[in-house]
């Protein structure tokens, strides 16, 4: 009898172990009812996307898309702090420094995943609770539904690290109302909570603590259509009163944002900000002065061109830019200053907007022939 009990304990221990090793997987892919559920599971790294996660998620989305028993896809982050804080920048930096192929594979894989989300035939619901930046925006924004909470913190902070707002930023940013997208892209401005909805980045707003119930209700829907899912999300959204009466944080500045950020060149934007001279304009000027001049010029052109392109063409363009950044100086210097040494004082080369030539910018946008991104 004791022996049997011991054996049972061993088996239970083993089951517990196997469950634990499973829960240490960087991404959990499960099927519950008619829903395919993706859980980004690197809470210590704020669920930042690495190449192996991307390589697991992409084929799973494609498989669920074909599966007649899967009616919707839900993506969320583990740990309560972040949905996904971005791409695994450190790994890309290490690879790029030594010319490792990973710096190509990562961007190629990530942009293909962004396109899979953007073209997904099944309703795709992203629960963007907590920090949602860079790569986290890429796996949510292109889907049908994005549910923000009071804990959502959105930003595209790439110009501060010598990069540009990629993952399809050239597609969704210029399509936000007025010049909000240009402003967010160039300054890296952070939006919180309901403001993420008001800016047009989220489609719904629900209290963070209500997400488990919402997820349960989504899973319980019987062969749901996009309309049924929208109805359910709307019902949660309508009941949520958190910060309901608060004004959109950018409302009072919208007129200035629309006029100041509508200039055709970075030099002109800077000139307009100086001429304006208001506290708001001077604050933006101070912010832009910290950013990589090369990144600012690439970003402005990326958004102006992306405004009239398809998502696929934008991702191809962004892949070219990513590879130009991998060959440059500012990305490595930005990552060093912001993420590694954390001295927050990058030495950009060139150090001034005027020194970034049109010819240099043109070169970054040139097709890569056989190396171009294939979607």
Protein backbone atom coordinates (compact mmCIF):
# COMPACT_ATOMS: atom_id res chain seq x y z
CA UNK A 1 0.00 0.00 0.00
CA UNK A 2 2.81 2.37 0.97
CA UNK A 3 4.68 1.44 -2.19
CA UNK A 4 1.63 2.29 -4.29
CA UNK A 5 1.27 5.59 -2.50
CA UNK A 6 4.94 6.39 -3.10
CA UNK A 7 4.56 5.52 -6.75
CA UNK A 8 1.54 7.80 -6.96
CA UNK A 9 3.53 10.62 -5.37
CA UNK A 10 6.34 10.08 -7.87
CA UNK A 11 3.86 10.19 -10.74
CA UNK A 12 2.19 13.31 -9.35
CA UNK A 13 5.57 14.94 -8.83
CA UNK A 14 6.47 14.07 -12.39
CA UNK A 15 3.21 15.55 -13.72
CA UNK A 16 3.81 18.69 -11.70
CA UNK A 17 7.31 18.92 -13.12
CA UNK A 18 6.19 18.47 -16.70
CA UNK A 19 3.57 21.14 -16.13
CA UNK A 20 6.19 23.46 -14.70
CA UNK A 21 8.59 22.99 -17.58
CA UNK A 22 5.69 23.68 -19.89
CA UNK A 23 4.79 26.88 -18.06
CA UNK A 24 8.39 28.01 -18.48
CA UNK A 25 7.88 27.96 -22.25
CA UNK A 26 8.41 31.46 -23.67
CA UNK A 27 5.11 31.35 -25.49
CA UNK A 28 2.06 29.22 -24.64
CA UNK A 29 -0.16 28.14 -27.52
CA UNK A 30 -3.44 26.53 -26.45
CA UNK A 31 -6.83 25.76 -27.84
CA UNK A 32 -9.80 26.43 -25.54
CA UNK A 33 -13.25 25.87 -26.99
CA UNK A 34 -13.29 27.57 -30.37
CA UNK A 35 -10.47 29.94 -29.46
CA UNK A 36 -6.77 29.71 -30.19
CA UNK A 37 -4.91 31.44 -27.34
CA UNK A 38 -1.39 32.86 -27.56
CA UNK A 39 0.21 33.82 -24.25
CA UNK A 40 3.53 35.67 -24.38
CA UNK A 41 5.27 34.16 -21.38
CA UNK A 42 8.51 35.97 -20.55
CA UNK A 43 7.20 38.17 -17.70
CA UNK A 44 10.70 38.90 -16.36
CA UNK A 45 11.63 40.32 -19.77
CA UNK A 46 8.25 42.12 -19.97
CA UNK A 47 7.27 39.51 -22.58
CA UNK A 48 9.70 40.92 -25.15
CA UNK A 49 9.57 38.93 -28.40
CA UNK A 50 12.57 36.87 -29.35
CA UNK A 51 13.15 34.93 -32.54
CA UNK A 52 12.07 31.55 -31.16
CA UNK A 53 8.73 33.00 -29.97
CA UNK A 54 8.13 34.53 -33.40
CA UNK A 55 8.96 31.20 -35.06
CA UNK A 56 6.40 29.43 -32.87
CA UNK A 57 3.57 31.97 -33.17
CA UNK A 58 3.64 32.43 -36.95
CA UNK A 59 2.92 28.83 -38.01
CA UNK A 60 0.33 28.49 -35.24
CA UNK A 61 -1.66 31.49 -36.52
CA UNK A 62 -1.48 30.05 -40.03
CA UNK A 63 -2.69 26.64 -38.78
CA UNK A 64 -5.56 28.12 -36.75
CA UNK A 65 -6.58 30.19 -39.75
CA UNK A 66 -7.14 26.99 -41.74
CA UNK A 67 -8.77 25.07 -38.89
CA UNK A 68 -12.61 25.01 -39.23
CA UNK A 69 -12.90 24.42 -35.47
CA UNK A 70 -11.02 27.63 -34.55
CA UNK A 71 -13.26 30.71 -34.64
CA UNK A 72 -11.06 33.34 -33.11
CA UNK A 73 -7.52 34.02 -31.91
CA UNK A 74 -6.71 35.74 -28.62
CA UNK A 75 -3.24 37.08 -27.77
CA UNK A 76 -2.22 38.24 -24.27
CA UNK A 77 0.82 38.65 -22.04
CA UNK A 78 1.66 36.85 -18.78
CA UNK A 79 2.65 38.42 -15.47
CA UNK A 80 0.34 41.40 -15.18
CA UNK A 81 2.94 44.09 -15.96
CA UNK A 82 3.25 43.98 -19.71
CA UNK A 83 1.47 42.75 -22.79
CA UNK A 84 4.78 42.95 -24.69
CA UNK A 85 7.43 45.62 -24.23
CA UNK A 86 8.98 45.12 -27.69
CA UNK A 87 11.47 42.99 -29.53
CA UNK A 88 14.49 41.39 -27.89
CA UNK A 89 16.75 44.34 -28.74
CA UNK A 90 19.79 43.05 -26.84
CA UNK A 91 19.91 39.81 -28.83
CA UNK A 92 19.55 41.70 -32.12
CA UNK A 93 22.35 44.07 -31.06
CA UNK A 94 24.73 41.23 -30.23
CA UNK A 95 23.97 39.53 -33.53
CA UNK A 96 24.21 42.71 -35.58
CA UNK A 97 27.61 43.65 -34.12
CA UNK A 98 29.18 40.45 -35.37
CA UNK A 99 27.24 40.35 -38.63
CA UNK A 100 25.27 37.29 -37.51
CA UNK A 101 22.35 36.28 -39.75
CA UNK A 102 20.02 36.56 -36.76
CA UNK A 103 19.75 40.32 -37.30
CA UNK A 104 18.19 39.55 -40.69
CA UNK A 105 16.16 36.53 -39.53
CA UNK A 106 14.67 38.40 -36.60
CA UNK A 107 13.27 41.32 -38.60
CA UNK A 108 12.20 39.05 -41.45
CA UNK A 109 10.36 36.74 -39.06
CA UNK A 110 8.85 39.57 -37.06
CA UNK A 111 7.51 41.42 -40.10
CA UNK A 112 6.08 38.21 -41.57
CA UNK A 113 4.30 37.72 -38.24
CA UNK A 114 2.98 41.31 -38.33
CA UNK A 115 1.63 40.60 -41.82
CA UNK A 116 0.04 37.33 -40.65
CA UNK A 117 -1.82 39.31 -37.97
CA UNK A 118 -2.81 41.98 -40.49
CA UNK A 119 -4.16 39.48 -43.01
CA UNK A 120 -5.61 36.98 -40.52
CA UNK A 121 -8.97 35.63 -41.74
CA UNK A 122 -10.11 34.71 -38.24
CA UNK A 123 -11.11 37.46 -35.78
CA UNK A 124 -7.99 38.40 -33.83
CA UNK A 125 -8.32 39.88 -30.33
CA UNK A 126 -5.30 41.41 -28.59
CA UNK A 127 -5.62 42.07 -24.86
CA UNK A 128 -3.07 44.88 -24.53
CA UNK A 129 -2.95 45.07 -20.74
CA UNK A 130 0.18 46.77 -19.38
CA UNK A 131 3.25 47.89 -21.33
CA UNK A 132 2.72 47.65 -25.09
CA UNK A 133 5.59 49.02 -27.13
CA UNK A 134 7.42 48.36 -30.40
CA UNK A 135 7.14 44.66 -31.21
CA UNK A 136 4.15 44.37 -28.86
CA UNK A 137 2.34 46.94 -30.97
CA UNK A 138 3.23 44.89 -34.08
CA UNK A 139 1.47 41.74 -32.83
CA UNK A 140 -1.66 43.66 -31.76
CA UNK A 141 -2.35 46.78 -33.83
CA UNK A 142 -2.87 45.01 -37.17
CA UNK A 143 -5.53 42.67 -35.75
CA UNK A 144 -9.28 43.29 -35.73
CA UNK A 145 -9.68 44.13 -32.04
CA UNK A 146 -7.33 45.71 -29.49
CA UNK A 147 -8.59 45.87 -25.92
CA UNK A 148 -6.77 48.43 -23.74
CA UNK A 149 -7.08 48.75 -19.94
CA UNK A 150 -6.23 51.40 -17.35
CA UNK A 151 -2.81 49.70 -17.12
CA UNK A 152 -2.00 49.98 -20.83
CA UNK A 153 1.12 52.01 -21.60
CA UNK A 154 1.67 52.54 -25.33
CA UNK A 155 4.73 53.97 -27.05
CA UNK A 156 6.85 53.64 -30.17
CA UNK A 157 10.15 54.79 -28.60
CA UNK A 158 12.48 53.72 -31.41
CA UNK A 159 13.96 57.10 -32.42
CA UNK A 160 15.63 57.17 -28.98
CA UNK A 161 17.66 54.05 -29.80
CA UNK A 162 18.67 54.85 -33.36
CA UNK A 163 15.89 52.79 -34.91
CA UNK A 164 12.51 53.80 -36.40
CA UNK A 165 8.91 52.84 -35.46
CA UNK A 166 8.83 49.57 -37.40
CA UNK A 167 6.50 46.51 -37.19
CA UNK A 168 4.17 48.27 -39.64
CA UNK A 169 4.41 51.67 -37.92
CA UNK A 170 4.70 53.22 -41.37
CA UNK A 171 1.22 51.84 -42.04
CA UNK A 172 -0.81 52.51 -38.89
CA UNK A 173 0.81 55.72 -37.59
CA UNK A 174 0.07 58.00 -40.56
CA UNK A 175 -3.52 56.66 -40.55
CA UNK A 176 -4.27 57.95 -37.04
CA UNK A 177 -6.29 61.17 -36.98
CA UNK A 178 -4.51 64.41 -37.89
CA UNK A 179 -0.78 64.26 -37.27
CA UNK A 180 -0.99 62.25 -34.02
CA UNK A 181 0.94 59.38 -35.61
CA UNK A 182 3.80 61.61 -36.73
CA UNK A 183 3.98 63.15 -33.29
CA UNK A 184 4.01 59.75 -31.52
CA UNK A 185 6.58 58.35 -33.95
CA UNK A 186 9.09 61.18 -33.78
CA UNK A 187 8.87 62.03 -30.06
CA UNK A 188 8.20 58.52 -28.67
CA UNK A 189 5.43 60.09 -26.55
CA UNK A 190 3.75 57.60 -24.18
CA UNK A 191 0.00 57.20 -23.97
CA UNK A 192 -1.72 55.63 -20.97
CA UNK A 193 -5.02 53.89 -20.36
CA UNK A 194 -8.04 55.39 -22.06
CA UNK A 195 -5.84 57.71 -24.13
CA UNK A 196 -4.69 54.65 -26.08
CA UNK A 197 -8.33 54.22 -27.14
CA UNK A 198 -8.84 57.92 -27.84
CA UNK A 199 -5.78 58.04 -30.09
CA UNK A 200 -7.30 55.25 -32.20
CA UNK A 201 -4.74 52.61 -31.24
CA UNK A 202 -7.14 50.46 -29.19
CA UNK A 203 -10.66 49.57 -30.35
CA UNK A 204 -12.08 48.89 -26.86
CA UNK A 205 -11.40 49.79 -23.24
CA UNK A 206 -12.07 47.36 -20.38
CA UNK A 207 -10.97 47.24 -16.74
CA UNK A 208 -7.89 45.11 -16.28
CA UNK A 209 -9.57 42.94 -13.64
CA UNK A 210 -12.42 42.15 -16.04
CA UNK A 211 -10.12 40.60 -18.66
CA UNK A 212 -10.32 37.01 -17.33
CA UNK A 213 -14.14 37.19 -17.47
CA UNK A 214 -14.01 38.71 -20.95
CA UNK A 215 -11.67 35.96 -22.12
CA UNK A 216 -13.97 33.31 -20.66
CA UNK A 217 -16.96 34.83 -22.45
CA UNK A 218 -15.03 35.00 -25.73
CA UNK A 219 -14.09 31.31 -25.41
CA UNK A 220 -17.71 30.40 -24.61
CA UNK A 221 -19.08 31.98 -27.82
CA UNK A 222 -20.46 29.29 -30.14
CA UNK A 223 -19.03 29.55 -33.68
CA UNK A 224 -18.85 33.33 -33.33
CA UNK A 225 -18.81 35.77 -36.22
CA UNK A 226 -16.78 38.97 -36.13
CA UNK A 227 -20.06 40.78 -35.33
CA UNK A 228 -20.78 38.57 -32.31
CA UNK A 229 -17.27 39.15 -30.99
CA UNK A 230 -17.64 42.90 -31.55
CA UNK A 231 -20.97 42.85 -29.68
CA UNK A 232 -19.39 41.09 -26.70
CA UNK A 233 -16.43 43.49 -26.61
CA UNK A 234 -18.80 46.45 -26.93
CA UNK A 235 -20.89 45.25 -23.99
CA UNK A 236 -17.79 45.12 -21.75
CA UNK A 237 -16.58 48.43 -23.14
CA UNK A 238 -19.90 50.17 -22.44
CA UNK A 239 -19.92 48.98 -18.83
CA UNK A 240 -16.43 50.30 -18.12
CA UNK A 241 -16.51 53.69 -16.41
CA UNK A 242 -12.81 54.07 -15.45
CA UNK A 243 -11.56 57.54 -16.50
CA UNK A 244 -14.66 57.98 -18.62
CA UNK A 245 -14.91 61.70 -18.03
CA UNK A 246 -11.21 62.38 -18.56
CA UNK A 247 -10.26 64.45 -21.59
CA UNK A 248 -7.87 63.04 -24.17
CA UNK A 249 -4.38 64.06 -23.01
CA UNK A 250 -3.49 65.47 -26.45
CA UNK A 251 -6.76 67.33 -27.01
CA UNK A 252 -5.49 70.73 -25.93
CA UNK A 253 -2.41 70.33 -28.16
CA UNK A 254 -4.08 68.87 -31.26
CA UNK A 255 -4.11 72.11 -33.20
CA UNK A 256 -0.40 72.61 -32.62
CA UNK A 257 0.43 68.96 -33.32
CA UNK A 258 -1.46 69.09 -36.62
CA UNK A 259 0.24 72.27 -37.81
CA UNK A 260 3.76 71.76 -36.40
CA UNK A 261 4.11 68.12 -37.46
CA UNK A 262 2.75 68.60 -40.97
CA UNK A 263 6.03 70.01 -42.31
CA UNK A 264 7.78 68.20 -45.18
CA UNK A 265 11.19 67.89 -43.54
CA UNK A 266 12.63 67.44 -40.06
CA UNK A 267 14.48 70.75 -40.35
CA UNK A 268 11.18 72.46 -41.10
CA UNK A 269 9.45 70.79 -38.12
CA UNK A 270 12.27 72.02 -35.85
CA UNK A 271 12.04 75.52 -37.33
CA UNK A 272 8.26 75.59 -36.78
CA UNK A 273 8.65 74.44 -33.17
CA UNK A 274 11.22 77.19 -32.50
CA UNK A 275 9.02 79.82 -34.12
CA UNK A 276 6.00 78.67 -32.13
CA UNK A 277 7.89 79.05 -28.86
CA UNK A 278 5.02 77.81 -26.64
CA UNK A 279 5.87 75.62 -23.63
CA UNK A 280 4.44 72.62 -25.54
CA UNK A 281 6.55 73.34 -28.65
CA UNK A 282 9.73 73.87 -26.64
CA UNK A 283 9.17 70.61 -24.78
CA UNK A 284 8.87 68.74 -28.10
CA UNK A 285 12.01 70.45 -29.33
CA UNK A 286 13.88 69.32 -26.24
CA UNK A 287 12.67 65.75 -26.84
CA UNK A 288 13.59 65.73 -30.53
CA UNK A 289 17.07 67.05 -29.69
CA UNK A 290 17.75 63.83 -27.77
CA UNK A 291 16.77 61.56 -30.65
CA UNK A 292 19.02 60.13 -33.36
CA UNK A 293 18.97 62.68 -36.23
CA UNK A 294 19.27 59.79 -38.70
CA UNK A 295 16.30 58.02 -37.10
CA UNK A 296 14.19 61.17 -37.22
CA UNK A 297 14.80 61.62 -40.94
CA UNK A 298 14.17 57.96 -41.75
CA UNK A 299 10.99 57.98 -39.64
CA UNK A 300 9.48 61.09 -41.20
CA UNK A 301 10.01 59.71 -44.69
CA UNK A 302 8.80 56.22 -43.64
CA UNK A 303 5.48 57.68 -42.45
CA UNK A 304 5.00 60.05 -45.38
CA UNK A 305 5.54 57.20 -47.86
CA UNK A 306 3.69 54.61 -45.79
CA UNK A 307 0.56 56.77 -45.68
CA UNK A 308 -0.42 55.62 -49.18
CA UNK A 309 1.08 52.10 -49.20
CA UNK A 310 -0.39 48.69 -48.40
CA UNK A 311 0.74 46.99 -45.17
CA UNK A 312 2.79 44.55 -47.26
CA UNK A 313 4.65 47.33 -49.08
CA UNK A 314 5.24 49.13 -45.80
CA UNK A 315 6.76 46.00 -44.24
CA UNK A 316 9.03 45.53 -47.27
CA UNK A 317 10.15 49.14 -46.95
CA UNK A 318 10.72 48.74 -43.21
CA UNK A 319 12.78 45.61 -43.72
CA UNK A 320 15.12 47.64 -45.97
CA UNK A 321 15.36 50.30 -43.27
CA UNK A 322 16.02 47.71 -40.54
CA UNK A 323 18.97 46.36 -42.49
CA UNK A 324 20.31 49.87 -43.09
CA UNK A 325 20.14 50.50 -39.32
CA UNK A 326 21.96 47.21 -38.64
CA UNK A 327 24.82 48.45 -40.84
CA UNK A 328 24.88 51.90 -39.26
CA UNK A 329 26.22 53.40 -36.05
CA UNK A 330 23.28 54.91 -34.18
CA UNK A 331 21.35 51.74 -33.36
CA UNK A 332 24.26 50.18 -31.46
CA UNK A 333 25.05 53.48 -29.76
CA UNK A 334 21.39 54.02 -28.79
CA UNK A 335 21.07 50.53 -27.31
CA UNK A 336 24.31 51.05 -25.41
CA UNK A 337 23.18 54.39 -23.95
CA UNK A 338 19.60 53.44 -23.12
CA UNK A 339 19.67 49.70 -22.33
CA UNK A 340 23.22 48.60 -21.55
CA UNK A 341 25.26 51.38 -19.87
CA UNK A 342 22.06 53.35 -19.17
CA UNK A 343 23.97 56.65 -19.18
CA UNK A 344 21.19 58.10 -21.38
CA UNK A 345 23.73 60.12 -23.36
CA UNK A 346 24.16 58.60 -26.81
CA UNK A 347 26.75 60.12 -29.17
CA UNK A 348 24.89 60.17 -32.47
CA UNK A 349 26.78 60.14 -35.77
CA UNK A 350 25.99 62.38 -37.57
CA UNK A 351 25.08 64.56 -34.59
CA UNK A 352 22.90 67.11 -36.39
CA UNK A 353 19.91 66.86 -38.74
CA UNK A 354 21.68 69.02 -41.34
CA UNK A 355 24.47 66.43 -41.56
CA UNK A 356 22.12 63.57 -42.53
CA UNK A 357 22.13 63.92 -46.31
CA UNK A 358 19.15 63.20 -48.56
CA UNK A 359 21.40 60.86 -50.48
CA UNK A 360 22.10 58.82 -47.34
CA UNK A 361 18.37 58.62 -46.57
CA UNK A 362 17.58 57.60 -50.17
CA UNK A 363 20.09 54.77 -49.92
CA UNK A 364 18.38 53.34 -46.83
CA UNK A 365 15.14 52.95 -48.83
CA UNK A 366 16.72 51.18 -51.82
CA UNK A 367 15.48 47.67 -52.70
CA UNK A 368 17.72 44.80 -51.55
CA UNK A 369 17.19 42.61 -54.63
CA UNK A 370 17.13 38.95 -53.61
CA UNK A 371 17.43 39.94 -49.96
CA UNK A 372 14.16 41.88 -49.96
CA UNK A 373 11.42 40.73 -47.58
CA UNK A 374 9.11 38.16 -49.17
CA UNK A 375 5.58 38.01 -47.83
